[in-house]
Protein backbone atom coordinates (compact mmCIF):
# COMPACT_ATOMS: atom_id res chain seq x y z
CA MET A 1 160.78 300.07 183.15
CA VAL A 2 161.13 296.34 182.54
CA ASP A 3 158.21 294.58 180.87
CA GLY A 4 157.12 291.45 182.66
CA HIS A 5 155.20 288.26 182.10
CA ARG A 6 153.68 285.95 184.71
CA PHE A 7 154.10 282.19 184.53
CA VAL A 8 151.92 280.00 186.72
CA PHE A 9 153.18 277.07 188.73
CA THR A 10 152.30 273.83 186.95
CA GLU A 11 151.46 270.45 188.42
CA ARG A 12 153.33 267.54 186.87
CA THR A 13 153.38 263.86 187.69
CA ASP A 14 156.58 261.81 187.32
CA SER A 15 156.89 258.21 186.13
CA LEU A 16 156.40 256.95 189.70
CA GLY A 17 153.09 258.80 190.06
CA ARG A 18 154.49 261.49 192.36
CA SER A 19 152.97 264.91 191.81
CA SER A 20 154.70 268.25 192.27
CA VAL A 21 153.88 271.88 191.56
CA MET A 22 156.84 273.75 190.11
CA PRO A 23 157.58 276.91 188.11
CA TYR A 24 157.83 275.63 184.52
CA LEU A 25 157.98 277.90 181.51
CA PRO A 26 157.84 277.36 177.75
CA LEU A 27 161.17 277.91 176.04
CA THR A 28 162.24 277.97 172.40
CA LEU A 29 165.89 277.00 171.98
CA SER A 30 167.82 277.58 168.77
CA ASN A 31 171.19 276.49 167.46
CA GLY A 32 171.69 278.33 164.18
CA SER A 33 168.65 277.57 162.02
CA ILE A 34 167.53 274.55 164.12
CA SER A 35 164.93 275.19 166.85
CA THR A 36 163.00 273.12 169.35
CA GLU A 37 160.22 273.85 171.83
CA ALA A 38 160.77 272.71 175.40
CA ILE A 39 159.58 273.18 178.96
CA ALA A 40 162.15 274.49 181.43
CA LEU A 41 162.18 274.44 185.21
CA LEU A 42 162.84 277.89 186.60
CA ASP A 43 165.23 277.12 189.46
CA THR A 44 166.19 280.24 191.41
CA GLY A 45 168.66 278.23 193.49
CA ALA A 46 170.60 276.75 190.56
CA SER A 47 174.05 278.09 189.74
CA VAL A 48 174.06 276.96 186.11
CA ASN A 49 171.64 276.34 183.23
CA VAL A 50 171.46 272.60 182.50
CA LEU A 51 170.59 271.09 179.11
CA PRO A 52 169.78 267.37 178.77
CA TYR A 53 171.74 265.39 176.19
CA GLU A 54 168.78 264.53 173.94
CA ILE A 55 167.75 268.16 173.54
CA GLY A 56 171.27 269.11 172.47
CA LEU A 57 171.11 266.34 169.86
CA GLN A 58 167.73 267.62 168.63
CA LEU A 59 169.43 270.98 168.06
CA GLU A 60 172.16 269.18 166.07
CA ALA A 61 174.88 270.05 168.57
CA VAL A 62 177.89 267.71 168.34
CA TRP A 63 179.16 266.49 171.70
CA GLU A 64 182.73 265.99 170.50
CA GLU A 65 182.92 269.61 169.26
CA GLN A 66 182.17 271.08 172.71
CA THR A 67 185.54 271.60 174.36
CA VAL A 68 184.70 273.41 177.62
CA PRO A 69 184.25 270.89 180.47
CA ILE A 70 181.70 271.82 183.15
CA GLN A 71 181.74 270.23 186.62
CA LEU A 72 178.21 269.66 187.88
CA SER A 73 177.22 269.00 191.48
CA GLY A 74 174.32 267.43 193.31
CA ASN A 75 172.36 264.68 191.59
CA LEU A 76 174.10 265.44 188.25
CA ALA A 77 177.67 265.29 189.65
CA ARG A 78 178.37 261.87 188.13
CA ASN A 79 177.43 263.03 184.60
CA GLU A 80 179.94 264.57 182.23
CA ALA A 81 178.93 268.04 180.99
CA ARG A 82 180.28 270.46 178.41
CA GLY A 83 179.57 274.12 177.74
CA LEU A 84 177.11 274.96 174.96
CA VAL A 85 175.72 278.39 174.03
CA LEU A 86 172.23 278.52 172.50
CA SER A 87 169.68 281.18 171.70
CA GLY A 88 166.65 281.07 173.99
CA LYS A 89 163.27 282.78 173.65
CA ILE A 90 160.60 282.94 176.33
CA ALA A 91 157.11 284.30 175.64
CA GLN A 92 157.13 287.68 173.91
CA PHE A 93 160.67 288.58 175.00
CA SER A 94 163.52 288.98 172.52
CA PRO A 95 165.84 285.97 172.17
CA ILE A 96 168.95 285.99 174.37
CA LEU A 97 172.07 283.84 174.42
CA LEU A 98 172.06 281.26 177.19
CA ALA A 99 175.14 279.32 178.31
CA PHE A 100 174.33 275.72 179.27
CA ALA A 101 176.07 272.84 180.93
CA TRP A 102 175.11 270.26 178.30
CA THR A 103 175.05 267.03 180.24
CA GLN A 104 174.97 263.42 179.16
CA SER A 105 172.11 262.90 181.58
CA ARG A 106 169.05 261.28 180.02
CA ASP A 107 166.75 263.44 182.15
CA LYS A 108 164.42 265.42 179.88
CA LEU A 109 164.17 268.51 182.09
CA ILE A 110 165.93 271.75 181.23
CA VAL A 111 166.92 273.79 184.28
CA ILE A 112 167.17 277.57 183.89
CA HIS A 113 168.74 279.75 186.57
CA PHE A 114 166.59 282.83 187.23
CA SER A 115 169.33 285.48 187.07
CA ARG A 116 170.20 284.36 183.53
CA LEU A 117 166.80 285.62 182.36
CA ILE A 118 166.96 289.16 183.71
CA ARG A 119 167.60 291.88 181.14
CA LEU A 120 167.47 295.53 182.15
């Protein structure tokens, strides 16, 4: 049996005053001994986990040391992205390794693809 945890949809308002209700979840990301708390959008339609540039910097990742280019699509297609593997912890679950497309986008939202979080 797989243990579960429910996360409620959360209402957020953007800088233009537009409100939306989306599935956000608290996430602790770690890169070695450096950790940061963040809120991630659980996007079941995404094909890749996306990490904003500033969060990678907070975790002391070095852009120039990431050598795997990632091609993004959609509204992030014009931004360069590189592969970065981090440890992620959600709620009471054990930490797991998450592969991200670390993008130079200044957006502050982390996008997590649902299938990346399933552990049997």
